[in-house]
Amino acid sequence: MSEIKTGRGRFFFFGALSGCLMAFLFVVAIGVLIALAGDDQHRFATEKVAVVPVEGEIVESRTAVESLHKYADDSSVKAIVMRINSPGGAVAPSQEIYEAIRKIREESGKPVIASLDSVAASGGFYIASACDEIVANPGSITGSIGVIMQWMDLKDLLAWAKVKPETITSGTMKAAGSPYRELSENERLYLQHVSDQLHGQFIRAVAAGRKGKISEAQVSAIADGRIFTGEEALALKLIDKLGNLDDAVSLAAKLAKVEGEPGLIYPRKRDGGLLELLTSSSDAQSAVQRVLGGSGLRFLYKWN
């Protein structure tokens, strides 16, 4: 009798184990199918519009530029929509994405439309101005054509802590903007000059990107850092139409002469692992780095 019970127990155990294994393999198979599908929500559509998101502070350009080149080389993608929800950020990455858009428009002939979400200010607008047309919601915040540079003056804090930093430089301007001492008048003029240079680049880029729609003089007249609603931006010719993402996609498809409803594809989201979480930068981390003497002096195309 005990042998029969033992046999039944083994049968139940192996049956349960087999069931769990089959369930696991099923989940894995589903995951593989999703991975193979990638970022394509309309896998079998022959004509597609790709949406490239630019979200949050602009600190790098690689992700957006790689997506742009990928879709420029994809013959099934007929147009690209830049979905921008960003207050701007670092100067160079904003310029790199801008140039990538302009080159892709020129070399591939594919229309690129900007769709402004809640905020597309400063560097976010810089990127948008490279597109064929800009579509914004009436309440979108945009504009903020200007440069900002900030750092912390820590000299009083260091004096209170009885810490005396020492700096050796090879030139009189090498330590300009150091948080350890006050800015001299010459250093202030020097940094203002750099800021003005970057501001002029911003103005010229907007005028070049929106050539025939707004002149450089008109851009310069409103390039004092102020923000505008989408409605105001339309009146100022900073954008072309009021509308949402669907309107931007429809416009992109129309300019690309897509017949019928196009398929929509998005870049695959990268899931951050534990290592990325531990090593990624954040606003809080940046603030700590500035306090501890890290590189906090940055020129930014950024709204606040």
C-alpha atoms as a PDB file:
ATOM      1  CA  MET A   1       0.000   0.000   0.000  1.00  0.00           C
ATOM      2  CA  SER A   2       2.832   2.384   0.908  1.00  0.00           C
ATOM      3  CA  GLU A   3       4.418   1.708  -2.491  1.00  0.00           C
ATOM      4  CA  ILE A   4       1.162   2.729  -4.230  1.00  0.00           C
ATOM      5  CA  LYS A   5       0.999   5.961  -2.212  1.00  0.00           C
ATOM      6  CA  THR A   6       4.650   6.684  -2.989  1.00  0.00           C
ATOM      7  CA  GLY A   7       4.018   6.117  -6.695  1.00  0.00           C
ATOM      8  CA  ARG A   8       1.027   8.443  -6.673  1.00  0.00           C
ATOM      9  CA  GLY A   9       3.069  11.104  -4.832  1.00  0.00           C
ATOM     10  CA  ARG A  10       5.813  10.901  -7.405  1.00  0.00           C
ATOM     11  CA  PHE A  11       3.299  11.070 -10.228  1.00  0.00           C
ATOM     12  CA  PHE A  12       1.688  14.170  -8.689  1.00  0.00           C
ATOM     13  CA  PHE A  13       5.074  15.799  -8.097  1.00  0.00           C
ATOM     14  CA  PHE A  14       6.320  15.235 -11.641  1.00  0.00           C
ATOM     15  CA  GLY A  15       2.943  16.289 -13.055  1.00  0.00           C
ATOM     16  CA  ALA A  16       3.044  19.552 -11.123  1.00  0.00           C
ATOM     17  CA  LEU A  17       6.675  20.115 -12.137  1.00  0.00           C
ATOM     18  CA  SER A  18       5.839  19.493 -15.794  1.00  0.00           C
ATOM     19  CA  GLY A  19       2.916  21.905 -15.594  1.00  0.00           C
ATOM     20  CA  CYS A  20       5.091  24.634 -14.092  1.00  0.00           C
ATOM     21  CA  LEU A  21       7.758  24.039 -16.746  1.00  0.00           C
ATOM     22  CA  MET A  22       5.187  24.304 -19.546  1.00  0.00           C
ATOM     23  CA  ALA A  23       3.803  27.503 -18.063  1.00  0.00           C
ATOM     24  CA  PHE A  24       7.321  28.924 -17.832  1.00  0.00           C
ATOM     25  CA  LEU A  25       8.107  28.019 -21.444  1.00  0.00           C
ATOM     26  CA  PHE A  26       4.830  29.607 -22.538  1.00  0.00           C
ATOM     27  CA  VAL A  27       5.719  32.881 -20.807  1.00  0.00           C
ATOM     28  CA  VAL A  28       9.198  32.797 -22.360  1.00  0.00           C
ATOM     29  CA  ALA A  29       7.708  32.184 -25.812  1.00  0.00           C
ATOM     30  CA  ILE A  30       5.372  35.155 -25.406  1.00  0.00           C
ATOM     31  CA  GLY A  31       8.329  37.308 -24.336  1.00  0.00           C
ATOM     32  CA  VAL A  32      10.317  36.246 -27.381  1.00  0.00           C
ATOM     33  CA  LEU A  33       7.424  37.080 -29.695  1.00  0.00           C
ATOM     34  CA  ILE A  34       7.090  40.525 -28.115  1.00  0.00           C
ATOM     35  CA  ALA A  35      10.826  41.093 -28.451  1.00  0.00           C
ATOM     36  CA  LEU A  36      10.720  40.049 -32.096  1.00  0.00           C
ATOM     37  CA  ALA A  37       7.868  42.454 -32.668  1.00  0.00           C
ATOM     38  CA  GLY A  38      10.162  45.140 -31.270  1.00  0.00           C
ATOM     39  CA  ASP A  39       8.873  48.672 -31.432  1.00  0.00           C
ATOM     40  CA  ASP A  40       6.432  48.043 -34.261  1.00  0.00           C
ATOM     41  CA  GLN A  41       2.779  48.387 -33.289  1.00  0.00           C
ATOM     42  CA  HIS A  42       1.638  47.839 -36.882  1.00  0.00           C
ATOM     43  CA  ARG A  43       4.064  45.163 -38.001  1.00  0.00           C
ATOM     44  CA  PHE A  44       2.330  44.390 -41.270  1.00  0.00           C
ATOM     45  CA  ALA A  45       1.567  47.969 -42.353  1.00  0.00           C
ATOM     46  CA  THR A  46       3.451  48.799 -45.536  1.00  0.00           C
ATOM     47  CA  GLU A  47       3.609  52.560 -44.918  1.00  0.00           C
ATOM     48  CA  LYS A  48       4.474  53.816 -41.474  1.00  0.00           C
ATOM     49  CA  VAL A  49       5.052  56.984 -39.465  1.00  0.00           C
ATOM     50  CA  ALA A  50       7.711  56.681 -36.772  1.00  0.00           C
ATOM     51  CA  VAL A  51       7.428  58.637 -33.525  1.00  0.00           C
ATOM     52  CA  VAL A  52      10.702  59.623 -31.849  1.00  0.00           C
ATOM     53  CA  PRO A  53      10.214  60.888 -28.276  1.00  0.00           C
ATOM     54  CA  VAL A  54      12.411  63.535 -26.671  1.00  0.00           C
ATOM     55  CA  GLU A  55      11.466  63.571 -23.002  1.00  0.00           C
ATOM     56  CA  GLY A  56      12.859  65.264 -19.930  1.00  0.00           C
ATOM     57  CA  GLU A  57      16.066  67.251 -19.676  1.00  0.00           C
ATOM     58  CA  ILE A  58      18.259  66.879 -22.745  1.00  0.00           C
ATOM     59  CA  VAL A  59      21.554  65.476 -21.477  1.00  0.00           C
ATOM     60  CA  GLU A  60      22.541  63.287 -24.432  1.00  0.00           C
ATOM     61  CA  SER A  61      21.717  62.919 -28.108  1.00  0.00           C
ATOM     62  CA  ARG A  62      22.590  59.301 -28.890  1.00  0.00           C
ATOM     63  CA  THR A  63      19.159  57.770 -28.252  1.00  0.00           C
ATOM     64  CA  ALA A  64      17.271  60.228 -30.460  1.00  0.00           C
ATOM     65  CA  VAL A  65      19.917  60.316 -33.192  1.00  0.00           C
ATOM     66  CA  GLU A  66      20.095  56.513 -33.404  1.00  0.00           C
ATOM     67  CA  SER A  67      16.309  56.310 -33.731  1.00  0.00           C
ATOM     68  CA  LEU A  68      16.329  58.983 -36.430  1.00  0.00           C
ATOM     69  CA  HIS A  69      18.956  57.152 -38.499  1.00  0.00           C
ATOM     70  CA  LYS A  70      17.173  53.836 -38.025  1.00  0.00           C
ATOM     71  CA  TYR A  71      13.899  55.213 -39.367  1.00  0.00           C
ATOM     72  CA  ALA A  72      15.617  57.166 -42.142  1.00  0.00           C
ATOM     73  CA  ASP A  73      17.057  53.873 -43.418  1.00  0.00           C
ATOM     74  CA  ASP A  74      13.766  51.957 -43.047  1.00  0.00           C
ATOM     75  CA  SER A  75      11.986  51.983 -46.412  1.00  0.00           C
ATOM     76  CA  SER A  76       8.625  51.239 -44.777  1.00  0.00           C
ATOM     77  CA  VAL A  77       8.858  54.444 -42.698  1.00  0.00           C
ATOM     78  CA  LYS A  78       7.613  57.306 -44.813  1.00  0.00           C
ATOM     79  CA  ALA A  79       7.712  60.121 -42.239  1.00  0.00           C
ATOM     80  CA  ILE A  80       8.957  60.880 -38.715  1.00  0.00           C
ATOM     81  CA  VAL A  81       7.299  62.745 -35.848  1.00  0.00           C
ATOM     82  CA  MET A  82       9.460  64.199 -33.080  1.00  0.00           C
ATOM     83  CA  ARG A  83       7.306  64.070 -29.938  1.00  0.00           C
ATOM     84  CA  ILE A  84       8.922  66.640 -27.644  1.00  0.00           C
ATOM     85  CA  ASN A  85       8.185  67.038 -23.953  1.00  0.00           C
ATOM     86  CA  SER A  86      11.296  68.751 -22.622  1.00  0.00           C
ATOM     87  CA  PRO A  87      12.360  72.019 -20.967  1.00  0.00           C
ATOM     88  CA  GLY A  88      15.632  71.768 -22.881  1.00  0.00           C
ATOM     89  CA  GLY A  89      19.046  71.003 -21.501  1.00  0.00           C
ATOM     90  CA  ALA A  90      22.656  70.817 -22.621  1.00  0.00           C
ATOM     91  CA  VAL A  91      23.680  72.862 -25.653  1.00  0.00           C
ATOM     92  CA  ALA A  92      25.656  70.315 -27.684  1.00  0.00           C
ATOM     93  CA  PRO A  93      23.113  67.431 -27.535  1.00  0.00           C
ATOM     94  CA  SER A  94      20.340  69.834 -28.598  1.00  0.00           C
ATOM     95  CA  GLN A  95      22.476  70.928 -31.551  1.00  0.00           C
ATOM     96  CA  GLU A  96      23.330  67.343 -32.507  1.00  0.00           C
ATOM     97  CA  ILE A  97      19.676  66.270 -32.649  1.00  0.00           C
ATOM     98  CA  TYR A  98      18.847  69.433 -34.620  1.00  0.00           C
ATOM     99  CA  GLU A  99      21.555  68.645 -37.194  1.00  0.00           C
ATOM    100  CA  ALA A 100      20.504  65.001 -37.441  1.00  0.00           C
ATOM    101  CA  ILE A 101      16.952  66.070 -38.286  1.00  0.00           C
ATOM    102  CA  ARG A 102      18.089  68.528 -40.934  1.00  0.00           C
ATOM    103  CA  LYS A 103      20.416  66.013 -42.598  1.00  0.00           C
ATOM    104  CA  ILE A 104      17.771  63.301 -42.617  1.00  0.00           C
ATOM    105  CA  ARG A 105      15.248  65.664 -44.169  1.00  0.00           C
ATOM    106  CA  GLU A 106      17.765  66.603 -46.850  1.00  0.00           C
ATOM    107  CA  GLU A 107      19.212  63.166 -47.589  1.00  0.00           C
ATOM    108  CA  SER A 108      16.151  60.928 -47.226  1.00  0.00           C
ATOM    109  CA  GLY A 109      13.469  63.337 -48.374  1.00  0.00           C
ATOM    110  CA  LYS A 110      11.232  62.092 -45.549  1.00  0.00           C
ATOM    111  CA  PRO A 111       9.175  64.768 -43.804  1.00  0.00           C
ATOM    112  CA  VAL A 112       9.904  65.316 -40.119  1.00  0.00           C
ATOM    113  CA  ILE A 113       7.174  66.937 -38.012  1.00  0.00           C
ATOM    114  CA  ALA A 114       7.522  68.242 -34.454  1.00  0.00           C
ATOM    115  CA  SER A 115       4.684  67.543 -32.031  1.00  0.00           C
ATOM    116  CA  LEU A 116       4.944  69.642 -28.858  1.00  0.00           C
ATOM    117  CA  ASP A 117       3.602  68.074 -25.679  1.00  0.00           C
ATOM    118  CA  SER A 118       3.253  69.936 -22.357  1.00  0.00           C
ATOM    119  CA  VAL A 119       6.637  71.656 -22.644  1.00  0.00           C
ATOM    120  CA  ALA A 120       9.004  72.085 -25.580  1.00  0.00           C
ATOM    121  CA  ALA A 121      11.041  75.039 -24.434  1.00  0.00           C
ATOM    122  CA  SER A 122      14.582  76.263 -25.073  1.00  0.00           C
ATOM    123  CA  GLY A 123      16.557  73.194 -26.257  1.00  0.00           C
ATOM    124  CA  GLY A 124      13.246  71.430 -26.864  1.00  0.00           C
ATOM    125  CA  PHE A 125      12.192  74.223 -29.224  1.00  0.00           C
ATOM    126  CA  TYR A 126      15.693  74.309 -30.740  1.00  0.00           C
ATOM    127  CA  ILE A 127      15.145  70.704 -31.862  1.00  0.00           C
ATOM    128  CA  ALA A 128      11.606  71.405 -33.087  1.00  0.00           C
ATOM    129  CA  SER A 129      12.787  74.268 -35.283  1.00  0.00           C
ATOM    130  CA  ALA A 130      14.748  71.815 -37.433  1.00  0.00           C
ATOM    131  CA  CYS A 131      11.542  70.046 -38.514  1.00  0.00           C
ATOM    132  CA  ASP A 132       9.453  70.685 -41.629  1.00  0.00           C
ATOM    133  CA  GLU A 133       6.524  71.861 -39.526  1.00  0.00           C
ATOM    134  CA  ILE A 134       5.711  72.281 -35.831  1.00  0.00           C
ATOM    135  CA  VAL A 135       2.377  71.290 -34.290  1.00  0.00           C
ATOM    136  CA  ALA A 136       1.607  72.342 -30.709  1.00  0.00           C
ATOM    137  CA  ASN A 137      -1.322  72.190 -28.342  1.00  0.00           C
ATOM    138  CA  PRO A 138      -2.845  75.594 -27.534  1.00  0.00           C
ATOM    139  CA  GLY A 139      -1.537  75.230 -23.980  1.00  0.00           C
ATOM    140  CA  SER A 140       1.890  73.843 -24.819  1.00  0.00           C
ATOM    141  CA  ILE A 141       4.728  75.870 -23.304  1.00  0.00           C
ATOM    142  CA  THR A 142       7.418  76.693 -25.826  1.00  0.00           C
ATOM    143  CA  GLY A 143       9.914  79.387 -26.795  1.00  0.00           C
ATOM    144  CA  SER A 144      12.445  80.319 -24.089  1.00  0.00           C
ATOM    145  CA  ILE A 145      15.053  81.130 -26.729  1.00  0.00           C
ATOM    146  CA  GLY A 146      18.087  81.864 -24.608  1.00  0.00           C
ATOM    147  CA  VAL A 147      21.047  80.575 -22.637  1.00  0.00           C
ATOM    148  CA  ILE A 148      21.366  80.071 -18.903  1.00  0.00           C
ATOM    149  CA  MET A 149      24.396  79.334 -16.771  1.00  0.00           C
ATOM    150  CA  GLN A 150      24.314  78.820 -13.014  1.00  0.00           C
ATOM    151  CA  TRP A 151      26.650  77.627 -10.317  1.00  0.00           C
ATOM    152  CA  MET A 152      26.942  77.776  -6.542  1.00  0.00           C
ATOM    153  CA  ASP A 153      29.172  80.230  -4.725  1.00  0.00           C
ATOM    154  CA  LEU A 154      30.569  78.114  -1.883  1.00  0.00           C
ATOM    155  CA  LYS A 155      33.224  80.439  -0.525  1.00  0.00           C
ATOM    156  CA  ASP A 156      31.261  81.430   2.604  1.00  0.00           C
ATOM    157  CA  LEU A 157      30.298  77.830   3.299  1.00  0.00           C
ATOM    158  CA  LEU A 158      33.925  76.740   2.937  1.00  0.00           C
ATOM    159  CA  ALA A 159      35.081  79.566   5.201  1.00  0.00           C
ATOM    160  CA  TRP A 160      32.536  78.499   7.834  1.00  0.00           C
ATOM    161  CA  ALA A 161      33.804  74.915   7.566  1.00  0.00           C
ATOM    162  CA  LYS A 162      37.399  76.214   7.749  1.00  0.00           C
ATOM    163  CA  VAL A 163      38.217  74.635   4.396  1.00  0.00           C
ATOM    164  CA  LYS A 164      40.580  76.505   2.105  1.00  0.00           C
ATOM    165  CA  PRO A 165      40.721  75.188  -1.470  1.00  0.00           C
ATOM    166  CA  GLU A 166      43.825  75.790  -3.558  1.00  0.00           C
ATOM    167  CA  THR A 167      43.747  76.114  -7.357  1.00  0.00           C
ATOM    168  CA  ILE A 168      46.626  76.211  -9.825  1.00  0.00           C
ATOM    169  CA  THR A 169      45.848  77.257 -13.405  1.00  0.00           C
ATOM    170  CA  SER A 170      47.752  77.826 -16.621  1.00  0.00           C
ATOM    171  CA  GLY A 171      45.769  80.932 -17.585  1.00  0.00           C
ATOM    172  CA  THR A 172      43.831  83.788 -16.044  1.00  0.00           C
ATOM    173  CA  MET A 173      40.459  82.505 -17.262  1.00  0.00           C
ATOM    174  CA  LYS A 174      40.962  78.809 -16.580  1.00  0.00           C
ATOM    175  CA  ALA A 175      39.163  78.948 -13.214  1.00  0.00           C
ATOM    176  CA  ALA A 176      36.423  81.334 -14.307  1.00  0.00           C
ATOM    177  CA  GLY A 177      33.178  80.268 -12.657  1.00  0.00           C
ATOM    178  CA  SER A 178      34.906  78.450  -9.820  1.00  0.00           C
ATOM    179  CA  PRO A 179      32.495  77.979  -6.893  1.00  0.00           C
ATOM    180  CA  TYR A 180      35.350  78.611  -4.465  1.00  0.00           C
ATOM    181  CA  ARG A 181      35.629  82.361  -5.003  1.00  0.00           C
ATOM    182  CA  GLU A 182      33.809  85.408  -6.305  1.00  0.00           C
ATOM    183  CA  LEU A 183      33.725  86.109 -10.026  1.00  0.00           C
ATOM    184  CA  SER A 184      36.016  88.907 -11.146  1.00  0.00           C
ATOM    185  CA  GLU A 185      34.670  91.554 -13.507  1.00  0.00           C
ATOM    186  CA  ASN A 186      36.848  90.272 -16.364  1.00  0.00           C
ATOM    187  CA  GLU A 187      35.629  86.725 -15.785  1.00  0.00           C
ATOM    188  CA  ARG A 188      32.017  87.903 -15.766  1.00  0.00           C
ATOM    189  CA  LEU A 189      32.508  89.680 -19.094  1.00  0.00           C
ATOM    190  CA  TYR A 190      34.237  86.599 -20.518  1.00  0.00           C
ATOM    191  CA  LEU A 191      31.427  84.212 -19.503  1.00  0.00           C
ATOM    192  CA  GLN A 192      28.821  86.685 -20.739  1.00  0.00           C
ATOM    193  CA  HIS A 193      30.609  86.695 -24.098  1.00  0.00           C
ATOM    194  CA  VAL A 194      30.389  82.893 -24.308  1.00  0.00           C
ATOM    195  CA  SER A 195      26.701  83.049 -23.350  1.00  0.00           C
ATOM    196  CA  ASP A 196      26.057  85.652 -26.056  1.00  0.00           C
ATOM    197  CA  GLN A 197      27.836  83.460 -28.623  1.00  0.00           C
ATOM    198  CA  LEU A 198      25.606  80.491 -27.785  1.00  0.00           C
ATOM    199  CA  HIS A 199      22.551  82.738 -27.826  1.00  0.00           C
ATOM    200  CA  GLY A 200      23.430  83.926 -31.321  1.00  0.00           C
ATOM    201  CA  GLN A 201      23.800  80.302 -32.457  1.00  0.00           C
ATOM    202  CA  PHE A 202      20.318  79.567 -31.087  1.00  0.00           C
ATOM    203  CA  ILE A 203      18.765  82.510 -32.930  1.00  0.00           C
ATOM    204  CA  ARG A 204      20.455  81.626 -36.223  1.00  0.00           C
ATOM    205  CA  ALA A 205      19.452  77.975 -35.900  1.00  0.00           C
ATOM    206  CA  VAL A 206      15.778  78.844 -35.400  1.00  0.00           C
ATOM    207  CA  ALA A 207      15.842  81.279 -38.314  1.00  0.00           C
ATOM    208  CA  ALA A 208      17.559  78.691 -40.560  1.00  0.00           C
ATOM    209  CA  GLY A 209      15.207  75.900 -39.544  1.00  0.00           C
ATOM    210  CA  ARG A 210      12.134  78.051 -40.111  1.00  0.00           C
ATOM    211  CA  LYS A 211      13.439  79.837 -43.170  1.00  0.00           C
ATOM    212  CA  GLY A 212      10.665  81.537 -45.133  1.00  0.00           C
ATOM    213  CA  LYS A 213       8.379  81.543 -42.071  1.00  0.00           C
ATOM    214  CA  ILE A 214      10.173  83.899 -39.696  1.00  0.00           C
ATOM    215  CA  SER A 215      13.260  86.073 -40.177  1.00  0.00           C
ATOM    216  CA  GLU A 216      16.351  86.194 -38.009  1.00  0.00           C
ATOM    217  CA  ALA A 217      15.416  89.730 -36.936  1.00  0.00           C
ATOM    218  CA  GLN A 218      11.958  88.543 -35.863  1.00  0.00           C
ATOM    219  CA  VAL A 219      13.470  85.664 -33.894  1.00  0.00           C
ATOM    220  CA  SER A 220      15.986  87.993 -32.255  1.00  0.00           C
ATOM    221  CA  ALA A 221      13.204  90.362 -31.173  1.00  0.00           C
ATOM    222  CA  ILE A 222      11.565  87.650 -29.031  1.00  0.00           C
ATOM    223  CA  ALA A 223      14.691  85.744 -28.042  1.00  0.00           C
ATOM    224  CA  ASP A 224      14.941  87.138 -24.519  1.00  0.00           C
ATOM    225  CA  GLY A 225      14.200  83.836 -22.791  1.00  0.00           C
ATOM    226  CA  ARG A 226      10.449  84.349 -22.430  1.00  0.00           C
ATOM    227  CA  ILE A 227       8.080  81.433 -22.881  1.00  0.00           C
ATOM    228  CA  PHE A 228       4.913  81.345 -24.989  1.00  0.00           C
ATOM    229  CA  THR A 229       1.793  79.235 -25.095  1.00  0.00           C
ATOM    230  CA  GLY A 230       1.143  77.328 -28.289  1.00  0.00           C
ATOM    231  CA  GLU A 231      -1.499  79.874 -29.194  1.00  0.00           C
ATOM    232  CA  GLU A 232       0.948  82.769 -28.784  1.00  0.00           C
ATOM    233  CA  ALA A 233       3.675  80.873 -30.620  1.00  0.00           C
ATOM    234  CA  LEU A 234       1.362  80.416 -33.613  1.00  0.00           C
ATOM    235  CA  ALA A 235       0.753  84.166 -33.817  1.00  0.00           C
ATOM    236  CA  LEU A 236       4.520  84.755 -33.616  1.00  0.00           C
ATOM    237  CA  LYS A 237       5.178  82.183 -36.373  1.00  0.00           C
ATOM    238  CA  LEU A 238       7.264  80.016 -34.072  1.00  0.00           C
ATOM    239  CA  ILE A 239       4.954  77.091 -34.841  1.00  0.00           C
ATOM    240  CA  ASP A 240       2.775  76.208 -37.834  1.00  0.00           C
ATOM    241  CA  LYS A 241      -0.404  74.615 -36.497  1.00  0.00           C
ATOM    242  CA  LEU A 242      -2.367  73.939 -33.331  1.00  0.00           C
ATOM    243  CA  GLY A 243      -3.108  70.283 -32.692  1.00  0.00           C
ATOM    244  CA  ASN A 244      -2.200  67.130 -30.828  1.00  0.00           C
ATOM    245  CA  LEU A 245      -0.043  64.105 -31.623  1.00  0.00           C
ATOM    246  CA  ASP A 246      -2.702  62.592 -33.889  1.00  0.00           C
ATOM    247  CA  ASP A 247      -2.791  65.814 -35.906  1.00  0.00           C
ATOM    248  CA  ALA A 248       1.003  65.763 -36.223  1.00  0.00           C
ATOM    249  CA  VAL A 249       0.933  62.140 -37.411  1.00  0.00           C
ATOM    250  CA  SER A 250      -1.795  62.944 -39.945  1.00  0.00           C
ATOM    251  CA  LEU A 251       0.203  65.915 -41.228  1.00  0.00           C
ATOM    252  CA  ALA A 252       3.356  63.792 -41.522  1.00  0.00           C
ATOM    253  CA  ALA A 253       1.454  61.116 -43.450  1.00  0.00           C
ATOM    254  CA  LYS A 254      -0.072  63.742 -45.731  1.00  0.00           C
ATOM    255  CA  LEU A 255       3.309  65.308 -46.542  1.00  0.00           C
ATOM    256  CA  ALA A 256       4.703  61.831 -47.220  1.00  0.00           C
ATOM    257  CA  LYS A 257       1.715  61.065 -49.472  1.00  0.00           C
ATOM    258  CA  VAL A 258       0.757  58.012 -47.464  1.00  0.00           C
ATOM    259  CA  GLU A 259      -2.496  56.493 -48.665  1.00  0.00           C
ATOM    260  CA  GLY A 260      -4.920  55.496 -45.921  1.00  0.00           C
ATOM    261  CA  GLU A 261      -4.080  55.281 -42.234  1.00  0.00           C
ATOM    262  CA  PRO A 262      -0.352  54.761 -41.641  1.00  0.00           C
ATOM    263  CA  GLY A 263       1.106  52.303 -39.177  1.00  0.00           C
ATOM    264  CA  LEU A 264       2.674  53.889 -36.087  1.00  0.00           C
ATOM    265  CA  ILE A 265       5.963  52.731 -34.623  1.00  0.00           C
ATOM    266  CA  TYR A 266       7.873  53.854 -31.548  1.00  0.00           C
ATOM    267  CA  PRO A 267      11.437  53.123 -30.397  1.00  0.00           C
ATOM    268  CA  ARG A 268      11.621  50.209 -28.012  1.00  0.00           C
ATOM    269  CA  LYS A 269      11.889  51.393 -24.425  1.00  0.00           C
ATOM    270  CA  ARG A 270      15.065  50.414 -22.658  1.00  0.00           C
ATOM    271  CA  ASP A 271      14.346  48.919 -19.247  1.00  0.00           C
ATOM    272  CA  GLY A 272      16.955  50.122 -16.814  1.00  0.00           C
ATOM    273  CA  GLY A 273      18.609  47.367 -14.812  1.00  0.00           C
ATOM    274  CA  LEU A 274      20.000  47.601 -11.311  1.00  0.00           C
ATOM    275  CA  LEU A 275      23.439  48.650 -12.573  1.00  0.00           C
ATOM    276  CA  GLU A 276      21.938  51.462 -14.653  1.00  0.00           C
ATOM    277  CA  LEU A 277      19.835  52.572 -11.692  1.00  0.00           C
ATOM    278  CA  LEU A 278      22.891  52.742  -9.471  1.00  0.00           C
ATOM    279  CA  THR A 279      25.099  54.495 -12.026  1.00  0.00           C
ATOM    280  CA  SER A 280      22.622  56.833 -13.728  1.00  0.00           C
ATOM    281  CA  SER A 281      22.759  60.548 -12.979  1.00  0.00           C
ATOM    282  CA  SER A 282      19.873  62.509 -11.560  1.00  0.00           C
ATOM    283  CA  ASP A 283      19.073  66.064 -10.578  1.00  0.00           C
ATOM    284  CA  ALA A 284      19.742  65.202  -6.947  1.00  0.00           C
ATOM    285  CA  GLN A 285      23.056  63.611  -7.842  1.00  0.00           C
ATOM    286  CA  SER A 286      24.023  66.633  -9.946  1.00  0.00           C
ATOM    287  CA  ALA A 287      23.238  68.935  -7.047  1.00  0.00           C
ATOM    288  CA  VAL A 288      25.405  66.860  -4.723  1.00  0.00           C
ATOM    289  CA  GLN A 289      28.230  66.901  -7.255  1.00  0.00           C
ATOM    290  CA  ARG A 290      28.010  70.689  -7.496  1.00  0.00           C
ATOM    291  CA  VAL A 291      28.136  71.055  -3.727  1.00  0.00           C
ATOM    292  CA  LEU A 292      31.110  68.700  -3.489  1.00  0.00           C
ATOM    293  CA  GLY A 293      32.985  70.570  -6.184  1.00  0.00           C
ATOM    294  CA  GLY A 294      32.039  68.574  -9.275  1.00  0.00           C
ATOM    295  CA  SER A 295      31.585  70.256 -12.630  1.00  0.00           C
ATOM    296  CA  GLY A 296      28.589  72.485 -12.071  1.00  0.00           C
ATOM    297  CA  LEU A 297      29.371  75.238 -14.572  1.00  0.00           C
ATOM    298  CA  ARG A 298      27.250  74.485 -17.636  1.00  0.00           C
ATOM    299  CA  PHE A 299      25.809  76.602 -20.398  1.00  0.00           C
ATOM    300  CA  LEU A 300      22.291  75.370 -21.083  1.00  0.00           C
ATOM    301  CA  TYR A 301      19.484  75.832 -23.585  1.00  0.00           C
ATOM    302  CA  LYS A 302      17.043  75.244 -20.753  1.00  0.00           C
ATOM    303  CA  TRP A 303      13.920  76.801 -19.276  1.00  0.00           C
ATOM    304  CA  ASN A 304      14.457  77.060 -15.502  1.00  0.00           C
END
